């Protein structure tokens, strides 16, 4: 294996649902809903958006797991 050869390839698809709402499809069939919540919604005036985890919330959870 050379440095240019990937040791892992993620087969994931992300689609826009509406506004900042995104839906991610993982290779194993898992579907994740992402968006905004709490103070971030208030700061950017996105009160009409549904409360959904931020993409970074999933990263933090994966790192903690």
N, C-alpha and C. Protein backbone atom coordinates (compact mmCIF):
# COMPACT_ATOMS: atom_id res chain seq x y z
N UNK A 1 0.85 -1.18 0.00
CA UNK A 1 0.00 0.00 0.00
C UNK A 1 0.89 1.23 0.00
N UNK A 2 0.57 2.20 -0.85
CA UNK A 2 1.30 3.46 -0.87
C UNK A 2 0.48 4.52 -0.14
N UNK A 3 1.09 5.66 0.08
CA UNK A 3 0.40 6.73 0.79
C UNK A 3 -0.84 7.18 0.02
N UNK A 4 -0.85 7.06 -1.28
CA UNK A 4 -2.00 7.48 -2.08
C UNK A 4 -3.17 6.49 -2.02
N UNK A 5 -2.94 5.27 -1.55
CA UNK A 5 -4.00 4.27 -1.47
C UNK A 5 -4.86 4.50 -0.23
N UNK A 6 -6.17 4.63 -0.41
CA UNK A 6 -7.03 4.79 0.77
C UNK A 6 -7.10 3.49 1.57
N UNK A 7 -7.16 3.60 2.89
CA UNK A 7 -7.34 2.40 3.71
C UNK A 7 -8.80 2.24 4.11
N UNK A 8 -9.62 3.27 3.84
CA UNK A 8 -11.06 3.19 4.11
C UNK A 8 -11.78 4.09 3.12
N UNK A 9 -12.87 3.63 2.58
CA UNK A 9 -13.68 4.41 1.65
C UNK A 9 -15.12 4.41 2.16
N UNK A 10 -15.63 5.58 2.47
CA UNK A 10 -16.99 5.72 2.96
C UNK A 10 -17.95 5.86 1.78
N UNK A 11 -18.95 5.02 1.75
CA UNK A 11 -19.97 5.11 0.70
C UNK A 11 -21.24 5.67 1.34
N UNK A 12 -21.30 6.98 1.35
CA UNK A 12 -22.38 7.70 2.01
C UNK A 12 -22.98 8.71 1.04
N UNK A 13 -24.28 8.89 1.12
CA UNK A 13 -24.95 9.88 0.28
C UNK A 13 -25.70 10.83 1.19
N UNK A 14 -25.60 12.13 0.92
CA UNK A 14 -26.31 13.15 1.69
C UNK A 14 -27.18 13.93 0.74
N UNK A 15 -28.46 14.10 1.12
CA UNK A 15 -29.36 14.87 0.27
C UNK A 15 -30.00 16.00 1.08
N UNK A 16 -30.30 17.09 0.40
CA UNK A 16 -30.98 18.21 1.03
C UNK A 16 -32.47 17.91 1.05
N UNK A 17 -33.08 18.05 2.23
CA UNK A 17 -34.52 17.83 2.35
C UNK A 17 -35.25 19.16 2.17
N UNK A 18 -34.91 20.13 3.02
CA UNK A 18 -35.47 21.48 2.94
C UNK A 18 -34.68 22.39 3.86
N UNK A 19 -34.44 23.62 3.45
CA UNK A 19 -33.69 24.55 4.30
C UNK A 19 -32.35 23.96 4.68
N UNK A 20 -32.09 23.87 5.98
CA UNK A 20 -30.82 23.29 6.47
C UNK A 20 -30.98 21.82 6.86
N UNK A 21 -32.14 21.25 6.61
CA UNK A 21 -32.41 19.84 6.93
C UNK A 21 -31.74 18.97 5.87
N UNK A 22 -30.88 18.04 6.33
CA UNK A 22 -30.19 17.10 5.44
C UNK A 22 -30.47 15.68 5.90
N UNK A 23 -30.45 14.75 4.95
CA UNK A 23 -30.65 13.33 5.25
C UNK A 23 -29.45 12.58 4.68
N UNK A 24 -28.77 11.81 5.55
CA UNK A 24 -27.59 11.05 5.13
C UNK A 24 -27.93 9.57 5.12
N UNK A 25 -27.47 8.88 4.09
CA UNK A 25 -27.69 7.45 3.93
C UNK A 25 -26.34 6.76 4.00
N UNK A 26 -26.16 5.90 5.01
CA UNK A 26 -24.92 5.17 5.18
C UNK A 26 -24.99 3.85 4.44
N UNK A 27 -23.84 3.28 4.17
CA UNK A 27 -23.76 2.04 3.40
C UNK A 27 -24.54 0.88 4.03
N UNK A 28 -24.62 0.85 5.36
CA UNK A 28 -25.31 -0.25 6.04
C UNK A 28 -26.82 -0.07 6.11
N UNK A 29 -27.34 1.01 5.50
CA UNK A 29 -28.78 1.25 5.50
C UNK A 29 -29.25 2.24 6.55
N UNK A 30 -28.35 2.67 7.42
CA UNK A 30 -28.70 3.66 8.44
C UNK A 30 -29.01 5.00 7.78
N UNK A 31 -30.07 5.65 8.26
CA UNK A 31 -30.45 6.97 7.76
C UNK A 31 -30.33 7.95 8.92
N UNK A 32 -29.62 9.05 8.69
CA UNK A 32 -29.42 10.08 9.72
C UNK A 32 -30.06 11.38 9.26
N UNK A 33 -30.79 12.02 10.16
CA UNK A 33 -31.38 13.32 9.88
C UNK A 33 -30.51 14.37 10.55
N UNK A 34 -30.14 15.42 9.82
CA UNK A 34 -29.28 16.47 10.36
C UNK A 34 -29.90 17.83 10.09
N UNK A 35 -29.63 18.77 10.97
CA UNK A 35 -30.14 20.12 10.80
C UNK A 35 -29.53 21.04 11.83
N UNK A 36 -30.38 21.78 12.54
CA UNK A 36 -29.94 22.71 13.58
C UNK A 36 -30.86 22.57 14.79
N UNK A 37 -30.36 23.05 15.94
CA UNK A 37 -31.17 23.04 17.15
C UNK A 37 -30.69 24.11 18.12
N UNK A 38 -31.49 24.37 19.13
CA UNK A 38 -31.13 25.24 20.24
C UNK A 38 -30.66 26.63 19.88
N UNK A 39 -29.60 27.08 20.57
CA UNK A 39 -29.11 28.45 20.39
C UNK A 39 -28.66 28.75 18.95
N UNK A 40 -28.25 27.75 18.22
CA UNK A 40 -27.82 27.98 16.83
C UNK A 40 -29.03 28.40 15.99
N UNK A 41 -30.16 27.73 16.19
CA UNK A 41 -31.39 28.12 15.49
C UNK A 41 -31.76 29.56 15.81
N UNK A 42 -31.71 29.91 17.09
CA UNK A 42 -32.08 31.25 17.51
C UNK A 42 -31.12 32.30 16.93
N UNK A 43 -29.83 32.01 16.96
CA UNK A 43 -28.83 32.96 16.47
C UNK A 43 -29.02 33.28 14.99
N UNK A 44 -29.31 32.26 14.19
CA UNK A 44 -29.45 32.45 12.75
C UNK A 44 -30.90 32.67 12.31
N UNK A 45 -31.83 32.80 13.27
CA UNK A 45 -33.22 33.06 12.94
C UNK A 45 -33.88 31.92 12.18
N UNK A 46 -33.56 30.70 12.57
CA UNK A 46 -34.10 29.52 11.89
C UNK A 46 -35.17 28.83 12.73
N UNK A 47 -35.97 29.61 13.42
CA UNK A 47 -36.97 29.05 14.33
C UNK A 47 -38.00 28.18 13.62
N UNK A 48 -38.20 28.37 12.32
CA UNK A 48 -39.18 27.55 11.59
C UNK A 48 -38.62 26.17 11.23
N UNK A 49 -37.32 25.97 11.39
CA UNK A 49 -36.70 24.68 11.06
C UNK A 49 -36.95 23.68 12.19
N UNK A 50 -37.08 22.39 11.88
CA UNK A 50 -37.26 21.38 12.93
C UNK A 50 -35.99 21.23 13.78
N UNK A 51 -36.15 20.82 15.03
CA UNK A 51 -35.00 20.56 15.90
C UNK A 51 -34.37 19.23 15.49
N UNK A 52 -33.17 19.31 14.93
CA UNK A 52 -32.44 18.12 14.50
C UNK A 52 -30.99 18.24 14.94
N UNK A 53 -30.31 17.11 15.15
CA UNK A 53 -28.89 17.17 15.51
C UNK A 53 -28.06 17.84 14.41
N UNK A 54 -27.05 18.56 14.83
CA UNK A 54 -26.09 19.12 13.88
C UNK A 54 -25.19 18.00 13.37
N UNK A 55 -24.63 18.15 12.18
CA UNK A 55 -23.67 17.14 11.72
C UNK A 55 -22.54 16.92 12.71
N UNK A 56 -22.08 17.98 13.36
CA UNK A 56 -20.98 17.84 14.33
C UNK A 56 -21.42 17.03 15.56
N UNK A 57 -22.71 17.02 15.87
CA UNK A 57 -23.19 16.20 16.98
C UNK A 57 -22.90 14.72 16.73
N UNK A 58 -23.06 14.29 15.48
CA UNK A 58 -22.77 12.90 15.13
C UNK A 58 -21.26 12.62 15.23
N UNK A 59 -20.44 13.59 14.84
CA UNK A 59 -18.98 13.42 14.94
C UNK A 59 -18.54 13.28 16.39
N UNK A 60 -19.08 14.14 17.26
CA UNK A 60 -18.72 14.06 18.68
C UNK A 60 -19.17 12.74 19.28
N UNK A 61 -20.37 12.31 18.93
CA UNK A 61 -20.87 11.02 19.46
C UNK A 61 -20.02 9.86 18.98
N UNK A 62 -19.60 9.90 17.72
CA UNK A 62 -18.77 8.81 17.18
C UNK A 62 -17.41 8.79 17.86
N UNK A 63 -16.84 9.96 18.13
CA UNK A 63 -15.53 10.03 18.78
C UNK A 63 -15.61 9.56 20.24
N UNK A 64 -16.75 9.83 20.87
CA UNK A 64 -16.92 9.44 22.27
C UNK A 64 -17.24 7.95 22.40
N UNK A 65 -17.77 7.36 21.34
CA UNK A 65 -18.18 5.96 21.37
C UNK A 65 -17.01 5.08 21.28
